[in-house]
Amino acid sequence: MELGLVGLGKMGGNMRERIRRAGHTVIGYDRNPDLADVHSLEELVGKLSGPRVVWVMVPAGAPTQSTIDQLAELLQPGDVVVDGGNSRWTDDEKHAEELAAKGIGFVDCGVSGGVWGLENGYALMYGGDAEHVARVQPVFDALKPEGDFGSVHAGKVGAGHFAKMVHNGIEYAMMQAYAEGWELLEKVDSVTDVREVFRSWQEGTVIRSWLLDLAVNALDEDEHLDDLRGYAQDSGEGRWTVEAAIDNAVPLPAITASLFARFASRQEDSPQMKMIAALRNQFGGHAVEKKS
């Protein structure tokens, strides 16, 4: 089939290559002309035969909204737009309604696989009407990992990005657990080779995982992570997961704590810890450290 692909960054560029390897035609547009096959969205749409499928892989929020607004004016009834970025599921419902008014279908797709997806395939979670999903199915089949699993029609519009959001929330908690265990192992004198302890967990243990493999890779590159600053950004999906938990009264203590731990990483001098230190000094006479 033919596919228009908007956004050819780290994910989008590799996805274009994997889809082409499966024998499909991909026409890609990116604001960076060095990456693009065409010079505008108008040219991209013009080169596709109808009914068209256009996959959007741009940052969530305003960039996605702007792209979908432009496509709504360029596409025809019967065409389908896929949002494969990390949009919030509530935005999907809005986009589907806007496009449906013009007779254009909409599918949201959460994509996981990162820089490894080109070779290993991408885990896909998509939402939308069955007829629209069926139009995109050859591309889903090209992108997914080999085997019976790795992709799912998760439900109606918004379900794909909601599922991906929860996936990322779980990822936050798993990474936090590995990080806490690594710090504790590094702290004690009795464990003399933390990297090899992590490596030993890769086989036969209940905590083995791809994330653990990646942790070992990182320790092979920098055994004690001395070259890194203890700062971790968040993509936004961890926050959305916690907000959804509050809205649905679902307890998520591990995921919530892992999100807050990232916030703590951005404080070189924690205001909260100042108050904790002051209180400990007041009630127990515990020593406090003064700024030099």
Protein backbone atom coordinates (compact mmCIF):
# COMPACT_ATOMS: atom_id res chain seq x y z
CA MET A 1 0.00 0.00 0.00
CA GLU A 2 0.93 3.68 -0.10
CA LEU A 3 1.47 5.66 3.09
CA GLY A 4 2.15 9.31 3.78
CA LEU A 5 4.36 9.74 6.87
CA VAL A 6 4.69 13.13 8.57
CA GLY A 7 7.65 13.45 10.96
CA LEU A 8 10.91 11.65 10.20
CA GLY A 9 12.85 12.00 13.44
CA LYS A 10 14.41 9.14 15.41
CA MET A 11 11.20 7.11 15.44
CA GLY A 12 9.58 8.24 12.21
CA GLY A 13 12.69 7.83 10.09
CA ASN A 14 13.24 4.26 11.23
CA MET A 15 9.56 3.46 10.81
CA ARG A 16 9.70 4.68 7.19
CA GLU A 17 12.61 2.32 6.56
CA ARG A 18 10.93 -0.69 8.20
CA ILE A 19 7.69 -0.14 6.25
CA ARG A 20 9.63 0.15 2.99
CA ARG A 21 11.49 -3.07 3.76
CA ALA A 22 8.09 -4.77 3.92
CA GLY A 23 7.44 -3.71 0.32
CA HIS A 24 5.16 -0.71 0.85
CA THR A 25 5.53 2.77 -0.63
CA VAL A 26 6.19 5.52 1.93
CA ILE A 27 6.26 9.21 1.07
CA GLY A 28 7.73 11.13 3.98
CA TYR A 29 7.55 14.79 4.94
CA ASP A 30 9.60 16.54 7.60
CA ARG A 31 10.38 20.19 8.24
CA ASN A 32 14.03 19.22 7.83
CA PRO A 33 14.45 19.05 4.04
CA ASP A 34 17.44 16.71 4.42
CA LEU A 35 15.09 14.03 5.76
CA ALA A 36 12.03 14.63 3.59
CA ASP A 37 10.88 13.01 0.34
CA VAL A 38 8.64 16.00 -0.42
CA HIS A 39 8.71 19.68 0.49
CA SER A 40 5.23 20.22 1.92
CA LEU A 41 2.12 18.49 3.22
CA GLU A 42 0.36 19.61 0.05
CA GLU A 43 2.94 17.80 -2.08
CA LEU A 44 2.72 14.69 0.12
CA VAL A 45 -1.07 14.47 -0.21
CA GLY A 46 -0.83 15.14 -3.95
CA LYS A 47 1.52 12.21 -4.50
CA LEU A 48 -0.75 9.68 -2.75
CA SER A 49 -3.50 7.83 -4.55
CA GLY A 50 -6.91 7.93 -2.93
CA PRO A 51 -8.23 6.75 -0.61
CA ARG A 52 -5.16 7.92 1.33
CA VAL A 53 -3.63 6.98 4.67
CA VAL A 54 -1.43 9.58 6.35
CA TRP A 55 0.48 8.70 9.53
CA VAL A 56 1.52 11.59 11.81
CA MET A 57 4.66 11.20 13.98
CA VAL A 58 5.20 14.66 15.46
CA PRO A 59 5.33 15.88 19.10
CA ALA A 60 2.09 15.83 21.06
CA GLY A 61 0.06 18.95 21.62
CA ALA A 62 0.26 21.98 19.34
CA PRO A 63 2.46 20.35 16.63
CA THR A 64 0.04 17.43 16.27
CA GLN A 65 -2.99 19.70 16.34
CA SER A 66 -1.51 21.95 13.66
CA THR A 67 -0.66 18.99 11.42
CA ILE A 68 -4.12 17.46 11.74
CA ASP A 69 -5.75 20.84 11.07
CA GLN A 70 -3.76 21.14 7.83
CA LEU A 71 -4.52 17.57 6.78
CA ALA A 72 -8.23 18.16 7.40
CA GLU A 73 -8.15 20.79 4.68
CA LEU A 74 -6.05 18.74 2.26
CA LEU A 75 -7.54 15.24 2.50
CA GLN A 76 -10.79 13.92 1.04
CA PRO A 77 -13.72 11.92 2.45
CA GLY A 78 -12.67 8.29 2.80
CA ASP A 79 -9.07 9.10 3.71
CA VAL A 80 -7.65 8.08 7.11
CA VAL A 81 -5.29 9.89 9.49
CA VAL A 82 -3.22 7.94 12.03
CA ASP A 83 -1.70 9.73 15.02
CA GLY A 84 1.29 7.62 16.07
CA GLY A 85 2.83 10.18 18.43
CA ASN A 86 2.39 10.37 22.19
CA SER A 87 -0.83 12.36 22.19
CA ARG A 88 -3.19 12.36 25.14
CA TRP A 89 -6.21 10.12 24.58
CA THR A 90 -8.61 13.02 25.17
CA ASP A 91 -7.01 14.80 22.19
CA ASP A 92 -7.73 11.72 20.06
CA GLU A 93 -11.45 12.04 20.72
CA LYS A 94 -11.33 15.69 19.65
CA HIS A 95 -9.33 14.94 16.51
CA ALA A 96 -11.61 12.07 15.50
CA GLU A 97 -14.66 14.29 15.81
CA GLU A 98 -13.06 17.12 13.80
CA LEU A 99 -12.00 14.79 10.99
CA ALA A 100 -15.29 12.85 10.97
CA ALA A 101 -17.08 16.11 10.17
CA LYS A 102 -15.18 16.06 6.87
CA GLY A 103 -15.67 12.35 6.25
CA ILE A 104 -12.07 11.51 7.19
CA GLY A 105 -11.30 8.52 9.43
CA PHE A 106 -8.99 8.63 12.44
CA VAL A 107 -6.91 5.99 14.24
CA ASP A 108 -4.72 6.63 17.28
CA CYS A 109 -1.68 4.40 17.74
CA GLY A 110 0.66 4.13 20.68
CA VAL A 111 4.09 3.06 19.43
CA SER A 112 6.82 1.52 21.60
CA GLY A 113 10.23 0.36 20.46
CA GLY A 114 12.46 3.40 20.49
CA VAL A 115 15.71 3.32 18.56
CA TRP A 116 15.60 -0.50 18.47
CA GLY A 117 12.34 -0.68 16.55
CA LEU A 118 13.85 -0.72 13.06
CA GLU A 119 15.39 -4.15 13.62
CA ASN A 120 13.19 -5.58 16.38
CA GLY A 121 9.82 -4.17 15.39
CA TYR A 122 7.47 -1.84 17.24
CA ALA A 123 4.83 -2.76 19.79
CA LEU A 124 1.60 -1.15 18.60
CA MET A 125 -1.58 -0.30 20.48
CA TYR A 126 -4.27 1.27 18.29
CA GLY A 127 -7.78 2.54 18.73
CA GLY A 128 -10.55 3.41 16.29
CA ASP A 129 -13.37 2.03 14.19
CA ALA A 130 -12.73 -1.40 12.69
CA GLU A 131 -13.08 -0.13 9.12
CA HIS A 132 -10.40 2.52 9.64
CA VAL A 133 -8.06 0.11 11.44
CA ALA A 134 -8.44 -2.35 8.55
CA ARG A 135 -7.23 0.30 6.12
CA VAL A 136 -4.02 0.71 8.10
CA GLN A 137 -3.53 -2.98 8.94
CA PRO A 138 -0.82 -3.67 6.31
CA VAL A 139 1.31 -0.94 7.91
CA PHE A 140 0.67 -2.29 11.41
CA ASP A 141 1.74 -5.72 10.18
CA ALA A 142 4.92 -4.27 8.70
CA LEU A 143 5.87 -2.40 11.86
CA LYS A 144 5.08 -5.01 14.53
CA PRO A 145 7.64 -7.54 15.77
CA GLU A 146 7.70 -10.97 14.17
CA GLY A 147 5.38 -13.54 15.71
CA ASP A 148 1.82 -13.60 16.95
CA PHE A 149 2.05 -10.77 19.45
CA GLY A 150 3.21 -7.17 19.58
CA SER A 151 0.12 -5.36 18.28
CA VAL A 152 -3.45 -4.94 19.46
CA HIS A 153 -6.64 -3.18 18.45
CA ALA A 154 -7.17 -1.91 21.98
CA GLY A 155 -10.65 -0.46 21.48
CA LYS A 156 -12.36 2.68 20.30
CA VAL A 157 -10.68 6.01 19.52
CA GLY A 158 -8.30 6.98 22.34
CA ALA A 159 -7.76 3.39 23.51
CA GLY A 160 -4.40 3.08 21.76
CA HIS A 161 -2.86 6.12 23.37
CA PHE A 162 -4.46 5.30 26.73
CA ALA A 163 -2.88 1.83 26.61
CA LYS A 164 0.50 3.33 25.65
CA MET A 165 0.19 5.84 28.49
CA VAL A 166 -0.32 3.05 31.02
CA HIS A 167 2.58 1.13 29.42
CA ASN A 168 4.83 4.14 30.01
CA GLY A 169 3.60 4.52 33.58
CA ILE A 170 4.59 0.89 34.26
CA GLU A 171 7.93 1.62 32.58
CA TYR A 172 8.51 4.51 35.02
CA ALA A 173 7.99 2.22 38.01
CA MET A 174 10.17 -0.58 36.64
CA MET A 175 13.04 1.79 35.88
CA GLN A 176 12.75 3.33 39.34
CA ALA A 177 12.99 -0.10 40.99
CA TYR A 178 16.14 -0.98 39.03
CA ALA A 179 17.63 2.43 39.85
CA GLU A 180 16.93 2.10 43.59
CA GLY A 181 18.39 -1.39 43.70
CA TRP A 182 21.49 -0.26 41.81
CA GLU A 183 22.08 2.67 44.20
CA LEU A 184 21.78 0.42 47.26
CA LEU A 185 24.21 -2.12 45.80
CA GLU A 186 26.69 0.66 44.98
CA LYS A 187 26.40 2.04 48.50
CA VAL A 188 27.47 -1.01 50.51
CA ASP A 189 31.08 -2.10 50.88
CA SER A 190 30.37 -5.82 50.74
CA VAL A 191 29.27 -5.87 47.09
CA THR A 192 32.37 -5.31 45.00
CA ASP A 193 31.04 -5.73 41.45
CA VAL A 194 27.57 -4.27 41.02
CA ARG A 195 27.66 -4.47 37.24
CA GLU A 196 28.18 -8.24 37.32
CA VAL A 197 25.40 -8.63 39.87
CA PHE A 198 23.07 -6.93 37.40
CA ARG A 199 24.42 -9.12 34.61
CA SER A 200 23.80 -12.27 36.67
CA TRP A 201 20.12 -11.34 36.90
CA GLN A 202 19.70 -11.52 33.12
CA GLU A 203 19.20 -15.29 33.18
CA GLY A 204 16.91 -17.38 35.36
CA THR A 205 15.52 -14.63 37.60
CA VAL A 206 11.99 -13.26 37.86
CA ILE A 207 13.23 -9.68 37.33
CA ARG A 208 14.97 -10.32 34.01
CA SER A 209 13.70 -8.00 31.28
CA TRP A 210 14.72 -5.90 28.31
CA LEU A 211 15.10 -2.94 30.68
CA LEU A 212 17.55 -4.99 32.73
CA ASP A 213 19.49 -5.80 29.55
CA LEU A 214 19.65 -2.09 28.75
CA ALA A 215 20.84 -1.34 32.29
CA VAL A 216 23.71 -3.79 31.80
CA ASN A 217 24.52 -2.12 28.47
CA ALA A 218 24.71 1.24 30.22
CA LEU A 219 26.96 -0.14 32.97
CA ASP A 220 29.23 -1.70 30.34
CA GLU A 221 29.65 1.77 28.83
CA ASP A 222 30.17 3.54 32.18
CA GLU A 223 30.50 1.09 35.07
CA HIS A 224 29.52 3.48 37.87
CA LEU A 225 27.62 5.99 35.70
CA ASP A 226 30.18 8.60 36.72
CA ASP A 227 29.70 10.57 33.51
CA LEU A 228 25.99 11.15 34.07
CA ARG A 229 24.21 13.80 36.08
CA GLY A 230 21.40 12.54 38.30
CA TYR A 231 18.65 14.29 36.36
CA ALA A 232 15.71 12.61 34.64
CA GLN A 233 13.11 14.30 32.46
CA ASP A 234 9.56 12.99 32.06
CA SER A 235 7.67 12.79 28.78
CA GLY A 236 4.30 13.71 30.29
CA GLU A 237 2.71 10.30 30.04
CA GLY A 238 3.62 9.44 33.62
CA ARG A 239 1.71 12.52 34.75
CA TRP A 240 -1.29 11.60 32.58
CA THR A 241 -1.27 8.07 34.03
CA VAL A 242 -1.42 9.42 37.59
CA GLU A 243 -4.15 11.90 36.62
CA ALA A 244 -6.20 9.10 35.06
CA ALA A 245 -5.75 7.04 38.22
CA ILE A 246 -7.12 9.91 40.29
CA ASP A 247 -10.06 10.38 37.92
CA ASN A 248 -10.90 6.66 38.16
CA ALA A 249 -10.03 6.18 41.86
CA VAL A 250 -7.43 3.53 41.03
CA PRO A 251 -4.46 3.37 43.45
CA LEU A 252 -1.09 3.60 41.66
CA PRO A 253 1.44 4.03 44.49
CA ALA A 254 4.49 2.65 42.64
CA ILE A 255 3.93 4.59 39.42
CA THR A 256 3.11 7.79 41.33
CA ALA A 257 6.22 7.48 43.49
CA SER A 258 8.41 6.92 40.43
CA LEU A 259 7.06 10.09 38.83
CA PHE A 260 7.72 12.12 41.95
CA ALA A 261 11.24 10.69 42.15
CA ARG A 262 11.94 12.26 38.77
CA PHE A 263 10.78 15.60 40.07
CA ALA A 264 13.18 15.20 43.00
CA SER A 265 16.05 14.62 40.57
CA ARG A 266 15.69 18.21 39.34
CA GLN A 267 16.34 19.75 42.75
CA GLU A 268 19.98 20.22 43.55
CA ASP A 269 18.94 21.68 46.91
CA SER A 270 15.49 20.37 47.87
CA PRO A 271 13.25 22.96 49.58
CA GLN A 272 11.29 20.14 51.21
CA MET A 273 14.42 18.65 52.71
CA LYS A 274 15.25 22.04 54.21
CA MET A 275 12.00 21.88 56.19
CA ILE A 276 12.59 18.24 57.14
CA ALA A 277 16.08 19.09 58.40
CA ALA A 278 14.74 22.09 60.33
CA LEU A 279 11.99 20.03 61.97
CA ARG A 280 14.41 17.25 62.95
CA ASN A 281 16.65 19.86 64.51
CA GLN A 282 13.74 21.43 66.39
CA PHE A 283 12.24 18.29 67.92
CA GLY A 284 15.34 16.18 68.33
CA GLY A 285 18.31 18.50 68.22
CA HIS A 286 19.56 16.68 65.09
CA ALA A 287 22.41 18.41 63.31
CA VAL A 288 21.70 20.49 60.20
CA GLU A 289 24.06 21.34 57.37
CA LYS A 290 24.46 25.02 56.57
CA LYS A 291 25.17 26.41 53.12
CA SER A 292 28.82 27.29 52.75
